[in-house]
Amino acid sequence: MNGDEQLLRGRVYGRDHEDEDPGPLPDRAYAALVGGPLDGLLLDIEDRRPEEIDDGVALPTELGRFPGGRALYDPRPGEPRTPGPGVTCRLYYSGDTP
């Protein structure tokens, strides 16, 4: 794991690394991003409908194969999602798109 990857672990996607606490908030639901350029980040899914997560997400990033493109993350079929705050599911890297 390089230094950039270590900086990302346990942080919430979209929160500025300069924020006082870029980590998760206790009353929010998160998906853990697994693999790819955003590995180790948490995605806040509190305000997303379950269908939005089931269809996968395309997250803008400068870290992927296409700078300024999107990293694609999908759930694994049949993998459970637990209700409530904290990490409720995992999304797995499936590729990049411009």
Protein backbone atom coordinates (compact mmCIF):
# COMPACT_ATOMS: atom_id res chain seq x y z
CA MET A 1 0.00 0.00 0.00
CA ASN A 2 1.48 3.34 -1.01
CA GLY A 3 1.20 6.62 0.91
CA ASP A 4 -1.77 7.88 -1.14
CA GLU A 5 -3.70 4.67 -0.43
CA GLN A 6 -2.98 4.95 3.28
CA LEU A 7 -4.41 8.49 3.31
CA LEU A 8 -7.69 7.22 1.82
CA ARG A 9 -8.40 4.35 4.23
CA GLY A 10 -11.32 4.95 6.57
CA ARG A 11 -12.26 8.24 4.92
CA VAL A 12 -15.60 9.09 3.39
CA TYR A 13 -15.70 9.57 -0.38
CA GLY A 14 -16.41 13.20 -1.23
CA ARG A 15 -15.33 14.64 2.11
CA ASP A 16 -12.29 16.87 1.88
CA HIS A 17 -9.11 15.43 3.38
CA GLU A 18 -8.61 18.82 5.00
CA ASP A 19 -11.87 18.52 6.97
CA GLU A 20 -11.34 18.30 10.69
CA ASP A 21 -12.72 14.76 10.67
CA PRO A 22 -13.02 13.21 7.17
CA GLY A 23 -14.12 9.92 8.72
CA PRO A 24 -17.60 8.44 9.03
CA LEU A 25 -20.31 9.99 11.18
CA PRO A 26 -22.01 7.71 13.74
CA ASP A 27 -25.58 8.28 12.48
CA ARG A 28 -24.97 7.63 8.76
CA ALA A 29 -25.02 4.44 6.61
CA TYR A 30 -21.99 3.63 4.43
CA ALA A 31 -20.88 1.21 1.74
CA ALA A 32 -17.25 0.11 1.88
CA LEU A 33 -15.53 0.50 -1.51
CA VAL A 34 -13.41 -2.54 -2.30
CA GLY A 35 -10.66 -2.57 -4.93
CA GLY A 36 -9.80 -0.05 -7.61
CA PRO A 37 -8.72 3.54 -7.14
CA LEU A 38 -11.10 4.24 -4.24
CA ASP A 39 -10.30 1.10 -2.25
CA GLY A 40 -10.74 1.66 1.46
CA LEU A 41 -13.03 4.67 1.17
CA LEU A 42 -16.55 4.68 2.54
CA LEU A 43 -19.46 5.91 0.42
CA ASP A 44 -22.26 7.66 2.31
CA ILE A 45 -25.47 5.88 1.19
CA GLU A 46 -27.80 7.24 3.88
CA ASP A 47 -29.85 9.30 1.40
CA ARG A 48 -29.80 6.82 -1.50
CA ARG A 49 -32.64 4.46 -2.35
CA PRO A 50 -31.74 0.74 -2.20
CA GLU A 51 -32.28 0.48 -5.97
CA GLU A 52 -29.57 3.07 -6.53
CA ILE A 53 -27.07 0.89 -4.68
CA ASP A 54 -28.33 -2.32 -6.32
CA ASP A 55 -27.63 -0.81 -9.77
CA GLY A 56 -24.05 0.12 -8.78
CA VAL A 57 -22.45 3.54 -8.66
CA ALA A 58 -20.18 5.56 -10.95
CA LEU A 59 -18.02 7.84 -8.81
CA PRO A 60 -16.07 10.76 -10.26
CA THR A 61 -12.37 10.51 -9.47
CA GLU A 62 -9.00 11.76 -10.62
CA LEU A 63 -7.40 8.51 -9.40
CA GLY A 64 -8.75 6.09 -11.99
CA ARG A 65 -7.57 5.02 -15.41
CA PHE A 66 -9.22 8.11 -16.91
CA PRO A 67 -8.42 11.23 -14.86
CA GLY A 68 -11.67 13.14 -14.53
CA GLY A 69 -13.57 9.94 -15.32
CA ARG A 70 -15.56 7.64 -13.09
CA ALA A 71 -14.74 4.51 -11.12
CA LEU A 72 -17.50 1.89 -11.26
CA TYR A 73 -18.49 -0.05 -8.14
CA ASP A 74 -21.15 -2.76 -7.96
CA PRO A 75 -22.64 -4.96 -5.26
CA ARG A 76 -22.17 -8.70 -5.47
CA PRO A 77 -25.43 -10.55 -6.14
CA GLY A 78 -26.87 -12.05 -2.98
CA GLU A 79 -24.46 -10.30 -0.63
CA PRO A 80 -26.52 -9.03 2.32
CA ARG A 81 -26.97 -5.42 3.30
CA THR A 82 -27.50 -4.78 6.99
CA PRO A 83 -29.86 -2.02 8.12
CA GLY A 84 -28.87 0.90 10.29
CA PRO A 85 -25.92 3.20 10.65
CA GLY A 86 -22.32 2.19 10.04
CA VAL A 87 -20.99 0.08 7.17
CA THR A 88 -24.03 -1.72 5.81
CA CYS A 89 -22.66 -3.23 2.58
CA ARG A 90 -19.71 -3.50 0.22
CA LEU A 91 -19.37 -2.29 -3.36
CA TYR A 92 -16.70 -3.89 -5.53
CA TYR A 93 -14.64 -2.20 -8.23
CA SER A 94 -15.70 -3.24 -11.73
CA GLY A 95 -13.80 -0.80 -13.97
CA ASP A 96 -13.33 2.79 -15.09
CA THR A 97 -15.10 4.95 -17.63
CA PRO A 98 -14.12 8.29 -19.16
